[in-house]
Amino acid sequence: MAGNGGQLSVRHWTPKHVGRWLREEGFCDYVDLLCNKHRLDGTSLLTLSEYDLRSPPLELKVLGDIKRLMVSLRKLQKQNVDVLEELGLSYDGHSPQNSA
């Protein structure tokens, strides 16, 4: 079921789709790291937290970029709340099961 102009659900994005999204959002510098090196797909992109961006293995060093990337991610998560719920995550990016 592809809504809005045949766009693929984020859940089905490949790292290539994620790369396109990053470029559109202005994060060209991170396409190689996130998509090629760490093979982030749509599902893993949606579950990213600011902690993930700051901590190994990603360890982004530019605070402005981390914050801007989180703003873009939040927008994406907001548009895909249903996907997050299916993954067992709440919109704030934290899974209640994660505390174990």
Protein backbone atom coordinates (compact mmCIF):
# COMPACT_ATOMS: atom_id res chain seq x y z
CA MET A 1 0.00 0.00 0.00
CA ALA A 2 1.97 2.98 -1.26
CA GLY A 3 0.31 6.27 -0.44
CA ASN A 4 1.50 9.81 -1.24
CA GLY A 5 2.81 9.60 -4.79
CA GLY A 6 3.93 5.98 -4.69
CA GLN A 7 6.37 6.58 -1.87
CA LEU A 8 7.58 3.41 -0.24
CA SER A 9 6.78 2.95 3.42
CA VAL A 10 9.80 3.84 5.54
CA ARG A 11 9.70 0.31 6.84
CA HIS A 12 10.65 -0.95 3.39
CA TRP A 13 13.41 1.57 2.75
CA THR A 14 16.81 0.16 1.85
CA PRO A 15 20.03 1.94 2.82
CA LYS A 16 19.80 3.57 -0.63
CA HIS A 17 16.42 5.14 0.25
CA VAL A 18 17.82 6.29 3.59
CA GLY A 19 20.72 7.91 1.73
CA ARG A 20 18.28 9.78 -0.49
CA TRP A 21 16.34 10.98 2.56
CA LEU A 22 19.55 12.14 4.26
CA ARG A 23 20.55 14.10 1.16
CA GLU A 24 17.10 15.69 0.90
CA GLU A 25 17.31 16.73 4.55
CA GLY A 26 20.78 18.21 3.99
CA PHE A 27 22.96 15.54 5.62
CA CYS A 28 25.08 14.51 2.62
CA ASP A 29 28.11 14.22 4.89
CA TYR A 30 26.57 11.31 6.75
CA VAL A 31 25.31 9.17 3.88
CA ASP A 32 28.55 7.21 3.66
CA LEU A 33 28.77 6.60 7.41
CA LEU A 34 25.13 5.73 8.02
CA CYS A 35 24.20 3.96 4.80
CA ASN A 36 27.37 2.38 3.49
CA LYS A 37 29.32 1.70 6.64
CA HIS A 38 26.46 0.96 9.03
CA ARG A 39 23.81 -0.19 6.53
CA LEU A 40 20.94 1.73 8.11
CA ASP A 41 17.64 0.87 6.50
CA GLY A 42 14.25 2.47 7.07
CA THR A 43 13.44 0.47 10.19
CA SER A 44 16.76 1.14 11.87
CA LEU A 45 16.57 4.81 10.85
CA LEU A 46 13.20 5.19 12.58
CA THR A 47 14.55 3.68 15.78
CA LEU A 48 17.63 5.93 15.97
CA SER A 49 17.93 8.02 19.10
CA GLU A 50 20.16 10.95 19.92
CA TYR A 51 22.11 8.58 22.15
CA ASP A 52 22.79 6.37 19.10
CA LEU A 53 24.12 9.33 17.16
CA ARG A 54 26.46 10.45 19.95
CA SER A 55 27.72 7.05 21.06
CA PRO A 56 29.89 4.42 19.40
CA PRO A 57 29.86 3.12 16.74
CA LEU A 58 28.49 6.31 15.11
CA GLU A 59 29.96 8.95 17.43
CA LEU A 60 28.88 12.01 15.43
CA LYS A 61 31.05 14.89 16.60
CA VAL A 62 29.11 17.96 15.46
CA LEU A 63 26.42 18.91 17.95
CA GLY A 64 24.50 21.08 15.47
CA ASP A 65 24.33 18.16 13.05
CA ILE A 66 23.20 15.78 15.78
CA LYS A 67 20.40 18.15 16.80
CA ARG A 68 19.31 18.89 13.22
CA LEU A 69 19.34 15.21 12.36
CA MET A 70 17.18 14.49 15.41
CA VAL A 71 14.68 17.17 14.32
CA SER A 72 14.42 15.55 10.88
CA LEU A 73 14.14 12.11 12.46
CA ARG A 74 11.37 13.26 14.78
CA LYS A 75 9.40 14.54 11.80
CA LEU A 76 9.87 11.20 10.09
CA GLN A 77 8.87 9.30 13.24
CA LYS A 78 5.79 11.49 13.63
CA GLN A 79 4.73 10.63 10.08
CA ASN A 80 5.29 6.94 10.82
CA VAL A 81 3.84 6.48 14.29
CA ASP A 82 1.99 3.40 13.04
CA VAL A 83 5.25 1.80 11.93
CA LEU A 84 6.88 2.59 15.28
CA GLU A 85 3.98 1.02 17.12
CA GLU A 86 4.24 -2.09 14.99
CA LEU A 87 7.90 -2.28 15.97
CA GLY A 88 6.88 -2.05 19.61
CA LEU A 89 8.28 1.45 20.01
CA SER A 90 6.58 4.56 21.22
CA TYR A 91 6.99 7.85 19.38
CA ASP A 92 9.52 9.19 21.89
CA GLY A 93 11.95 6.61 20.54
CA HIS A 94 12.18 4.57 23.70
CA SER A 95 10.92 1.07 23.95
CA PRO A 96 9.50 0.10 27.33
CA GLN A 97 11.07 -3.34 26.84
CA ASN A 98 14.48 -1.70 26.52
CA SER A 99 15.06 -1.24 30.20
CA ALA A 100 16.05 -4.88 30.71
